[in-house]
Amino acid sequence: MKTKILIHSITFFVLAIFCISCDKTQVFDEYHTFKDGWNKKQSVNFEFENQLTQKANNLFINIRANDDYEYSNLFLIVKLEHPSGKIKVDTLEYQMANPDGSMLGEGFSDIKESKLWYEENAKFTEKGKYKLSISQAVRQTGKVKGVEKLKGITDIGFRIESLEQK
């Protein structure tokens, strides 16, 4: 029995390495994990360096959530700071659950991962360090005050995919 589990574990590990190494579009992919929910005052920050200007990219926000997430939507405030200091702020809304309450996203366990569009065909026109900050802005219906701690969000990630093959 232990040998069978070991063989399955090794097979899974090899397949995972193979799948990751085949990802030729990845430019940047990083996650932040929450231990006990996402606090309203906690921004998640990512930094990435841009060397290649004028190449088109797709930008994604990746969310991993479980059944403890109580809402059908997720509201985010995303701030992108360019190397020159220019700041772009977006308020984004994403659907996280079906009308029956089941979570959207990919995954076989109780954790579902959603790859959410942030920007399509984005071009980083300046060389240097970019900073991206993401905050949650979820509110209960009819209430002005935001949800202090968002349960069920386990990880948030930011991904840049090149539109050109490497």
N, C-alpha and C. Protein backbone atom coordinates (compact mmCIF):
# COMPACT_ATOMS: atom_id res chain seq x y z
N MET A 1 0.82 -1.19 0.00
CA MET A 1 0.00 0.00 0.00
C MET A 1 0.87 1.27 0.00
N LYS A 2 1.92 1.26 0.85
CA LYS A 2 2.80 2.42 0.92
C LYS A 2 3.55 2.62 -0.39
N THR A 3 3.92 1.53 -1.04
CA THR A 3 4.62 1.61 -2.32
C THR A 3 3.71 2.23 -3.38
N LYS A 4 2.45 1.85 -3.36
CA LYS A 4 1.49 2.39 -4.32
C LYS A 4 1.32 3.91 -4.13
N ILE A 5 1.22 4.34 -2.89
CA ILE A 5 1.09 5.78 -2.58
C ILE A 5 2.35 6.51 -3.02
N LEU A 6 3.51 5.92 -2.76
CA LEU A 6 4.78 6.53 -3.16
C LEU A 6 4.85 6.68 -4.68
N ILE A 7 4.45 5.65 -5.41
CA ILE A 7 4.47 5.70 -6.88
C ILE A 7 3.53 6.79 -7.39
N HIS A 8 2.33 6.88 -6.80
CA HIS A 8 1.38 7.92 -7.21
C HIS A 8 1.91 9.31 -6.91
N SER A 9 2.55 9.47 -5.76
CA SER A 9 3.13 10.77 -5.38
C SER A 9 4.23 11.20 -6.33
N ILE A 10 5.11 10.25 -6.67
CA ILE A 10 6.20 10.56 -7.60
C ILE A 10 5.65 10.89 -8.98
N THR A 11 4.67 10.13 -9.43
CA THR A 11 4.05 10.39 -10.74
C THR A 11 3.43 11.78 -10.76
N PHE A 12 2.70 12.13 -9.72
CA PHE A 12 2.08 13.46 -9.64
C PHE A 12 3.15 14.55 -9.67
N PHE A 13 4.22 14.38 -8.91
CA PHE A 13 5.30 15.37 -8.86
C PHE A 13 5.94 15.56 -10.23
N VAL A 14 6.22 14.47 -10.92
CA VAL A 14 6.83 14.54 -12.26
C VAL A 14 5.89 15.24 -13.23
N LEU A 15 4.61 14.91 -13.19
CA LEU A 15 3.63 15.55 -14.06
C LEU A 15 3.52 17.05 -13.76
N ALA A 16 3.54 17.40 -12.49
CA ALA A 16 3.47 18.82 -12.12
C ALA A 16 4.68 19.58 -12.65
N ILE A 17 5.87 19.03 -12.51
CA ILE A 17 7.08 19.67 -13.03
C ILE A 17 6.99 19.81 -14.54
N PHE A 18 6.51 18.78 -15.21
CA PHE A 18 6.38 18.81 -16.66
C PHE A 18 5.40 19.90 -17.10
N CYS A 19 4.26 20.00 -16.42
CA CYS A 19 3.26 21.02 -16.78
C CYS A 19 3.79 22.43 -16.54
N ILE A 20 4.49 22.62 -15.45
CA ILE A 20 5.04 23.95 -15.15
C ILE A 20 6.10 24.33 -16.17
N SER A 21 6.94 23.39 -16.55
CA SER A 21 8.01 23.70 -17.49
C SER A 21 7.49 23.98 -18.89
N CYS A 22 6.26 23.56 -19.20
CA CYS A 22 5.67 23.77 -20.53
C CYS A 22 4.99 25.13 -20.64
N ASP A 23 4.91 25.87 -19.57
CA ASP A 23 4.21 27.14 -19.56
C ASP A 23 5.10 28.22 -20.17
N LYS A 24 5.04 28.36 -21.48
CA LYS A 24 5.92 29.28 -22.19
C LYS A 24 5.41 30.71 -22.20
N THR A 25 4.18 30.93 -21.77
CA THR A 25 3.63 32.29 -21.80
C THR A 25 3.87 33.03 -20.48
N GLN A 26 4.24 32.34 -19.42
CA GLN A 26 4.40 32.96 -18.11
C GLN A 26 5.55 33.96 -18.09
N VAL A 27 5.23 35.18 -17.68
CA VAL A 27 6.23 36.22 -17.48
C VAL A 27 6.44 36.43 -15.98
N PHE A 28 5.32 36.42 -15.24
CA PHE A 28 5.35 36.63 -13.79
C PHE A 28 4.18 35.86 -13.20
N ASP A 29 4.40 35.17 -12.08
CA ASP A 29 3.33 34.43 -11.41
C ASP A 29 3.71 34.28 -9.95
N GLU A 30 2.97 34.95 -9.08
CA GLU A 30 3.30 34.94 -7.65
C GLU A 30 2.01 34.94 -6.84
N TYR A 31 2.05 34.29 -5.68
CA TYR A 31 0.88 34.18 -4.81
C TYR A 31 1.19 34.69 -3.41
N HIS A 32 0.12 35.12 -2.74
CA HIS A 32 0.17 35.47 -1.32
C HIS A 32 -0.88 34.60 -0.63
N THR A 33 -0.50 33.95 0.47
CA THR A 33 -1.41 33.07 1.20
C THR A 33 -1.92 33.75 2.46
N PHE A 34 -3.22 33.55 2.73
CA PHE A 34 -3.84 34.07 3.95
C PHE A 34 -4.01 32.92 4.93
N LYS A 35 -3.62 33.15 6.17
CA LYS A 35 -3.73 32.11 7.19
C LYS A 35 -5.15 32.02 7.74
N ASP A 36 -5.80 33.17 7.94
CA ASP A 36 -7.12 33.18 8.58
C ASP A 36 -7.99 34.27 7.98
N GLY A 37 -8.19 34.25 6.68
CA GLY A 37 -9.04 35.24 6.03
C GLY A 37 -8.26 36.47 5.60
N TRP A 38 -8.90 37.29 4.79
CA TRP A 38 -8.29 38.48 4.22
C TRP A 38 -8.85 39.71 4.91
N ASN A 39 -8.04 40.35 5.72
CA ASN A 39 -8.43 41.54 6.46
C ASN A 39 -8.61 42.72 5.50
N LYS A 40 -9.63 43.53 5.75
CA LYS A 40 -9.94 44.69 4.90
C LYS A 40 -8.78 45.68 4.80
N LYS A 41 -8.01 45.78 5.85
CA LYS A 41 -6.90 46.74 5.88
C LYS A 41 -5.60 46.18 5.29
N GLN A 42 -5.62 44.93 4.89
CA GLN A 42 -4.42 44.25 4.40
C GLN A 42 -4.37 44.28 2.87
N SER A 43 -3.42 45.02 2.33
CA SER A 43 -3.20 45.01 0.88
C SER A 43 -2.19 43.93 0.54
N VAL A 44 -2.39 43.30 -0.60
CA VAL A 44 -1.45 42.31 -1.10
C VAL A 44 -0.62 43.00 -2.17
N ASN A 45 0.70 42.92 -2.04
CA ASN A 45 1.60 43.66 -2.92
C ASN A 45 2.48 42.73 -3.75
N PHE A 46 2.63 43.10 -5.01
CA PHE A 46 3.49 42.37 -5.93
C PHE A 46 4.41 43.39 -6.61
N GLU A 47 5.65 43.00 -6.87
CA GLU A 47 6.59 43.84 -7.62
C GLU A 47 7.18 43.01 -8.74
N PHE A 48 7.28 43.63 -9.90
CA PHE A 48 7.90 42.94 -11.03
C PHE A 48 8.67 43.95 -11.85
N GLU A 49 9.70 43.45 -12.47
CA GLU A 49 10.61 44.27 -13.27
C GLU A 49 10.24 44.12 -14.74
N ASN A 50 10.21 45.23 -15.45
CA ASN A 50 9.93 45.19 -16.88
C ASN A 50 11.19 45.56 -17.65
N GLN A 51 11.67 44.62 -18.43
CA GLN A 51 12.83 44.86 -19.28
C GLN A 51 12.43 45.04 -20.74
N LEU A 52 11.37 44.35 -21.14
CA LEU A 52 10.95 44.36 -22.53
C LEU A 52 9.76 45.30 -22.69
N THR A 53 9.95 46.39 -23.38
CA THR A 53 8.86 47.35 -23.54
C THR A 53 8.08 47.06 -24.82
N GLN A 54 6.85 47.52 -24.85
CA GLN A 54 5.96 47.45 -26.01
C GLN A 54 5.53 46.04 -26.41
N LYS A 55 5.72 45.04 -25.57
CA LYS A 55 5.23 43.70 -25.86
C LYS A 55 3.90 43.52 -25.13
N ALA A 56 2.92 42.97 -25.84
CA ALA A 56 1.58 42.82 -25.26
C ALA A 56 1.54 41.64 -24.29
N ASN A 57 0.80 41.84 -23.20
CA ASN A 57 0.64 40.83 -22.15
C ASN A 57 -0.82 40.80 -21.70
N ASN A 58 -1.23 39.66 -21.20
CA ASN A 58 -2.51 39.56 -20.52
C ASN A 58 -2.23 39.48 -19.03
N LEU A 59 -3.01 40.21 -18.23
CA LEU A 59 -2.82 40.26 -16.78
C LEU A 59 -4.00 39.58 -16.10
N PHE A 60 -3.69 38.77 -15.10
CA PHE A 60 -4.73 38.02 -14.39
C PHE A 60 -4.55 38.16 -12.89
N ILE A 61 -5.67 38.12 -12.19
CA ILE A 61 -5.67 37.99 -10.74
C ILE A 61 -6.22 36.60 -10.46
N ASN A 62 -5.44 35.81 -9.75
CA ASN A 62 -5.84 34.43 -9.44
C ASN A 62 -6.29 34.36 -7.99
N ILE A 63 -7.46 33.79 -7.79
CA ILE A 63 -8.05 33.69 -6.46
C ILE A 63 -8.27 32.22 -6.14
N ARG A 64 -7.80 31.80 -4.98
CA ARG A 64 -8.13 30.47 -4.47
C ARG A 64 -9.07 30.67 -3.29
N ALA A 65 -10.22 30.02 -3.37
CA ALA A 65 -11.24 30.18 -2.33
C ALA A 65 -11.85 28.83 -2.00
N ASN A 66 -12.36 28.73 -0.78
CA ASN A 66 -13.05 27.50 -0.38
C ASN A 66 -14.51 27.81 -0.02
N ASP A 67 -15.21 26.81 0.47
CA ASP A 67 -16.64 26.97 0.75
C ASP A 67 -16.93 27.92 1.91
N ASP A 68 -15.91 28.36 2.63
CA ASP A 68 -16.13 29.35 3.70
C ASP A 68 -16.40 30.74 3.13
N TYR A 69 -16.15 30.93 1.82
CA TYR A 69 -16.42 32.23 1.20
C TYR A 69 -17.94 32.38 1.11
N GLU A 70 -18.47 33.44 1.75
CA GLU A 70 -19.91 33.58 1.94
C GLU A 70 -20.64 34.39 0.87
N TYR A 71 -19.92 34.94 -0.07
CA TYR A 71 -20.54 35.89 -1.00
C TYR A 71 -20.50 35.35 -2.43
N SER A 72 -21.37 35.88 -3.27
CA SER A 72 -21.39 35.43 -4.66
C SER A 72 -20.41 36.22 -5.51
N ASN A 73 -20.03 37.41 -5.06
CA ASN A 73 -19.10 38.26 -5.81
C ASN A 73 -17.90 38.63 -4.95
N LEU A 74 -16.89 39.12 -5.62
CA LEU A 74 -15.69 39.62 -4.95
C LEU A 74 -15.36 40.99 -5.54
N PHE A 75 -15.18 41.98 -4.70
CA PHE A 75 -14.83 43.32 -5.14
C PHE A 75 -13.39 43.61 -4.73
N LEU A 76 -12.62 44.07 -5.70
CA LEU A 76 -11.20 44.36 -5.46
C LEU A 76 -10.86 45.77 -5.90
N ILE A 77 -9.92 46.37 -5.21
CA ILE A 77 -9.34 47.64 -5.64
C ILE A 77 -7.89 47.32 -6.00
N VAL A 78 -7.54 47.56 -7.26
CA VAL A 78 -6.22 47.22 -7.78
C VAL A 78 -5.50 48.50 -8.16
N LYS A 79 -4.31 48.67 -7.62
CA LYS A 79 -3.50 49.86 -7.90
C LYS A 79 -2.20 49.42 -8.56
N LEU A 80 -1.96 49.93 -9.76
CA LEU A 80 -0.72 49.63 -10.50
C LEU A 80 0.12 50.89 -10.58
N GLU A 81 1.32 50.81 -9.98
CA GLU A 81 2.24 51.96 -9.98
C GLU A 81 3.36 51.70 -10.98
N HIS A 82 3.52 52.62 -11.92
CA HIS A 82 4.56 52.54 -12.94
C HIS A 82 5.89 53.04 -12.37
N PRO A 83 7.02 52.70 -13.01
CA PRO A 83 8.33 53.17 -12.53
C PRO A 83 8.42 54.70 -12.44
N SER A 84 7.70 55.41 -13.28
CA SER A 84 7.74 56.88 -13.27
C SER A 84 6.91 57.48 -12.14
N GLY A 85 6.13 56.65 -11.44
CA GLY A 85 5.28 57.14 -10.37
C GLY A 85 3.81 57.26 -10.77
N LYS A 86 3.51 57.13 -12.04
CA LYS A 86 2.12 57.17 -12.51
C LYS A 86 1.36 56.01 -11.86
N ILE A 87 0.14 56.30 -11.39
CA ILE A 87 -0.66 55.28 -10.71
C ILE A 87 -2.00 55.12 -11.41
N LYS A 88 -2.36 53.87 -11.64
CA LYS A 88 -3.66 53.53 -12.23
C LYS A 88 -4.42 52.72 -11.18
N VAL A 89 -5.65 53.16 -10.86
CA VAL A 89 -6.48 52.47 -9.87
C VAL A 89 -7.75 51.97 -10.53
N ASP A 90 -8.08 50.72 -10.30
CA ASP A 90 -9.31 50.11 -10.82
C ASP A 90 -10.09 49.48 -9.69
N THR A 91 -11.41 49.58 -9.75
CA THR A 91 -12.30 48.84 -8.87
C THR A 91 -12.91 47.74 -9.71
N LEU A 92 -12.71 46.50 -9.29
CA LEU A 92 -13.11 45.34 -10.08
C LEU A 92 -14.11 44.49 -9.33
N GLU A 93 -15.03 43.87 -10.07
CA GLU A 93 -15.99 42.95 -9.49
C GLU A 93 -15.93 41.63 -10.24
N TYR A 94 -15.87 40.53 -9.50
CA TYR A 94 -15.83 39.21 -10.09
C TYR A 94 -16.90 38.33 -9.46
N GLN A 95 -17.54 37.51 -10.28
CA GLN A 95 -18.49 36.53 -9.79
C GLN A 95 -17.70 35.34 -9.26
N MET A 96 -18.00 34.92 -8.04
CA MET A 96 -17.26 33.83 -7.41
C MET A 96 -18.08 32.56 -7.21
N ALA A 97 -19.42 32.67 -7.32
CA ALA A 97 -20.27 31.51 -7.05
C ALA A 97 -21.44 31.47 -8.03
N ASN A 98 -21.92 30.26 -8.24
CA ASN A 98 -23.12 30.05 -9.04
C ASN A 98 -24.35 30.46 -8.23
N PRO A 99 -25.51 30.62 -8.87
CA PRO A 99 -26.73 30.97 -8.12
C PRO A 99 -27.08 29.98 -7.01
N ASP A 100 -26.67 28.71 -7.16
CA ASP A 100 -26.96 27.71 -6.12
C ASP A 100 -25.96 27.77 -4.97
N GLY A 101 -24.97 28.68 -5.05
CA GLY A 101 -23.99 28.84 -3.99
C GLY A 101 -22.71 28.06 -4.19
N SER A 102 -22.65 27.19 -5.18
CA SER A 102 -21.42 26.43 -5.43
C SER A 102 -20.36 27.36 -6.01
N MET A 103 -19.13 27.14 -5.59
CA MET A 103 -18.02 27.99 -5.99
C MET A 103 -17.66 27.76 -7.46
N LEU A 104 -17.37 28.85 -8.14
CA LEU A 104 -16.84 28.78 -9.50
C LEU A 104 -15.34 28.52 -9.42
N GLY A 105 -14.74 28.10 -10.49
CA GLY A 105 -13.30 27.90 -10.53
C GLY A 105 -12.93 26.46 -10.80
N GLU A 106 -11.64 26.24 -10.90
CA GLU A 106 -11.08 24.92 -11.20
C GLU A 106 -10.56 24.30 -9.92
N GLY A 107 -10.64 22.98 -9.84
CA GLY A 107 -10.07 22.27 -8.71
C GLY A 107 -10.92 21.09 -8.31
N PHE A 108 -10.27 20.07 -7.76
CA PHE A 108 -10.96 18.85 -7.37
C PHE A 108 -11.28 18.81 -5.88
N SER A 109 -10.63 19.64 -5.10
CA SER A 109 -10.87 19.65 -3.66
C SER A 109 -11.89 20.73 -3.33
N ASP A 110 -11.97 21.07 -2.04
CA ASP A 110 -12.89 22.14 -1.65
C ASP A 110 -12.33 23.51 -2.01
N ILE A 111 -11.08 23.59 -2.41
CA ILE A 111 -10.49 24.87 -2.84
C ILE A 111 -10.59 24.99 -4.36
N LYS A 112 -11.19 26.08 -4.79
CA LYS A 112 -11.35 26.34 -6.23
C LYS A 112 -10.48 27.53 -6.60
N GLU A 113 -9.83 27.42 -7.75
CA GLU A 113 -8.99 28.51 -8.24
C GLU A 113 -9.66 29.18 -9.43
N SER A 114 -9.77 30.50 -9.35
CA SER A 114 -10.36 31.28 -10.43
C SER A 114 -9.28 32.18 -11.03
N LYS A 115 -9.15 32.08 -12.34
CA LYS A 115 -8.21 32.93 -13.08
C LYS A 115 -9.04 34.07 -13.66
N LEU A 116 -8.90 35.24 -13.07
CA LEU A 116 -9.77 36.38 -13.39
C LEU A 116 -9.02 37.41 -14.23
N TRP A 117 -9.66 37.87 -15.27
CA TRP A 117 -9.05 38.88 -16.14
C TRP A 117 -8.86 40.17 -15.37
N TYR A 118 -7.67 40.73 -15.48
CA TYR A 118 -7.43 42.09 -14.98
C TYR A 118 -7.29 43.04 -16.16
N GLU A 119 -6.41 42.71 -17.11
CA GLU A 119 -6.24 43.56 -18.28
C GLU A 119 -5.78 42.71 -19.46
N GLU A 120 -6.36 42.99 -20.61
CA GLU A 120 -6.03 42.27 -21.84
C GLU A 120 -5.16 43.15 -22.73
N ASN A 121 -4.16 42.54 -23.36
CA ASN A 121 -3.24 43.25 -24.27
C ASN A 121 -2.56 44.45 -23.61
N ALA A 122 -2.16 44.27 -22.37
CA ALA A 122 -1.49 45.35 -21.64
C ALA A 122 -0.05 45.50 -22.12
N LYS A 123 0.39 46.73 -22.21
CA LYS A 123 1.78 47.00 -22.59
C LYS A 123 2.43 47.83 -21.48
N PHE A 124 3.59 47.37 -21.06
CA PHE A 124 4.37 48.10 -20.07
C PHE A 124 5.36 48.95 -20.85
N THR A 125 5.07 50.22 -20.94
CA THR A 125 5.84 51.11 -21.82
C THR A 125 7.08 51.68 -21.15
N GLU A 126 7.24 51.45 -19.86
CA GLU A 126 8.40 51.98 -19.14
C GLU A 126 9.25 50.82 -18.63
N LYS A 127 10.56 50.96 -18.73
CA LYS A 127 11.46 49.98 -18.13
C LYS A 127 11.56 50.29 -16.65
N GLY A 128 11.69 49.24 -15.86
CA GLY A 128 11.87 49.44 -14.43
C GLY A 128 10.90 48.61 -13.60
N LYS A 129 10.80 48.97 -12.30
CA LYS A 129 10.02 48.21 -11.34
C LYS A 129 8.58 48.73 -11.28
N TYR A 130 7.64 47.83 -11.49
CA TYR A 130 6.21 48.10 -11.35
C TYR A 130 5.75 47.51 -10.02
N LYS A 131 4.76 48.17 -9.41
CA LYS A 131 4.20 47.69 -8.14
C LYS A 131 2.69 47.55 -8.30
N LEU A 132 2.17 46.40 -7.90
CA LEU A 132 0.74 46.16 -7.96
C LEU A 132 0.25 45.88 -6.55
N SER A 133 -0.82 46.55 -6.16
CA SER A 133 -1.41 46.39 -4.84
C SER A 133 -2.88 46.01 -5.00
N ILE A 134 -3.32 44.99 -4.27
CA ILE A 134 -4.71 44.53 -4.35
C ILE A 134 -5.31 44.54 -2.94
N SER A 135 -6.48 45.17 -2.82
CA SER A 135 -7.23 45.20 -1.56
C SER A 135 -8.63 44.67 -1.83
N GLN A 136 -9.22 44.04 -0.82
CA GLN A 136 -10.60 43.60 -0.97
C GLN A 136 -11.53 44.71 -0.51
N ALA A 137 -12.67 44.84 -1.19
CA ALA A 137 -13.65 45.89 -0.89
C ALA A 137 -15.06 45.31 -0.83
N VAL A 138 -15.20 44.13 -0.23
CA VAL A 138 -16.50 43.47 -0.15
C VAL A 138 -17.34 44.11 0.94
N ARG A 139 -18.63 44.32 0.61
CA ARG A 139 -19.59 44.86 1.56
C ARG A 139 -20.83 43.97 1.56
N GLN A 140 -21.47 43.86 2.70
CA GLN A 140 -22.73 43.14 2.76
C GLN A 140 -23.82 44.02 2.16
N THR A 141 -24.81 43.40 1.56
CA THR A 141 -25.90 44.13 0.94
C THR A 141 -26.56 45.07 1.93
N GLY A 142 -26.68 46.34 1.53
CA GLY A 142 -27.34 47.34 2.36
C GLY A 142 -26.48 47.94 3.46
N LYS A 143 -25.23 47.54 3.53
CA LYS A 143 -24.34 48.07 4.58
C LYS A 143 -23.23 48.87 3.93
N VAL A 144 -22.87 49.98 4.58
CA VAL A 144 -21.82 50.86 4.07
C VAL A 144 -20.44 50.35 4.47
N LYS A 145 -20.34 49.91 5.72
CA LYS A 145 -19.06 49.44 6.23
C LYS A 145 -18.66 48.13 5.54
N GLY A 146 -17.41 48.04 5.12
CA GLY A 146 -16.91 46.84 4.45
C GLY A 146 -16.72 45.68 5.39
N VAL A 147 -16.63 44.50 4.84
CA VAL A 147 -16.40 43.28 5.61
C VAL A 147 -14.99 43.33 6.16
N GLU A 148 -14.87 43.25 7.49
CA GLU A 148 -13.56 43.39 8.15
C GLU A 148 -12.61 42.26 7.79
N LYS A 149 -13.10 41.02 7.82
CA LYS A 149 -12.26 39.87 7.49
C LYS A 149 -13.05 38.97 6.55
N LEU A 150 -12.48 38.78 5.38
CA LEU A 150 -13.10 37.98 4.32
C LEU A 150 -12.68 36.53 4.49
N LYS A 151 -13.58 35.69 4.98
CA LYS A 151 -13.30 34.27 5.17
C LYS A 151 -13.37 33.55 3.83
N GLY A 152 -12.61 32.50 3.70
CA GLY A 152 -12.70 31.62 2.53
C GLY A 152 -11.71 31.91 1.42
N ILE A 153 -11.11 33.09 1.40
CA ILE A 153 -10.07 33.37 0.41
C ILE A 153 -8.77 32.84 1.01
N THR A 154 -8.17 31.85 0.35
CA THR A 154 -6.96 31.24 0.91
C THR A 154 -5.69 31.81 0.29
N ASP A 155 -5.77 32.19 -1.00
CA ASP A 155 -4.60 32.72 -1.70
C ASP A 155 -5.07 33.72 -2.75
N ILE A 156 -4.19 34.68 -3.02
CA ILE A 156 -4.42 35.60 -4.14
C ILE A 156 -3.11 35.70 -4.90
N GLY A 157 -3.22 35.67 -6.21
CA GLY A 157 -2.03 35.72 -7.04
C GLY A 157 -2.17 36.74 -8.15
N PHE A 158 -1.04 37.09 -8.72
CA PHE A 158 -0.99 37.98 -9.87
C PHE A 158 -0.14 37.29 -10.93
N ARG A 159 -0.64 37.26 -12.15
CA ARG A 159 0.04 36.56 -13.24
C ARG A 159 0.08 37.45 -14.47
N ILE A 160 1.23 37.45 -15.12
CA ILE A 160 1.42 38.13 -16.41
C ILE A 160 1.74 37.04 -17.42
N GLU A 161 0.98 37.03 -18.51
CA GLU A 161 1.24 36.08 -19.60
C GLU A 161 1.56 36.86 -20.87
N SER A 162 2.66 36.51 -21.50
CA SER A 162 3.04 37.11 -22.76
C SER A 162 2.13 36.59 -23.88
N LEU A 163 1.82 37.45 -24.82
CA LEU A 163 1.06 37.01 -25.98
C LEU A 163 1.96 36.41 -27.06
N GLU A 164 3.26 36.53 -26.85
CA GLU A 164 4.24 35.96 -27.76
C GLU A 164 4.82 34.70 -27.15
N GLN A 165 5.01 33.66 -27.96
CA GLN A 165 5.63 32.43 -27.48
C GLN A 165 7.12 32.65 -27.27
N LYS A 166 7.66 32.07 -26.24
CA LYS A 166 9.10 32.19 -25.95
C LYS A 166 9.87 31.19 -26.75
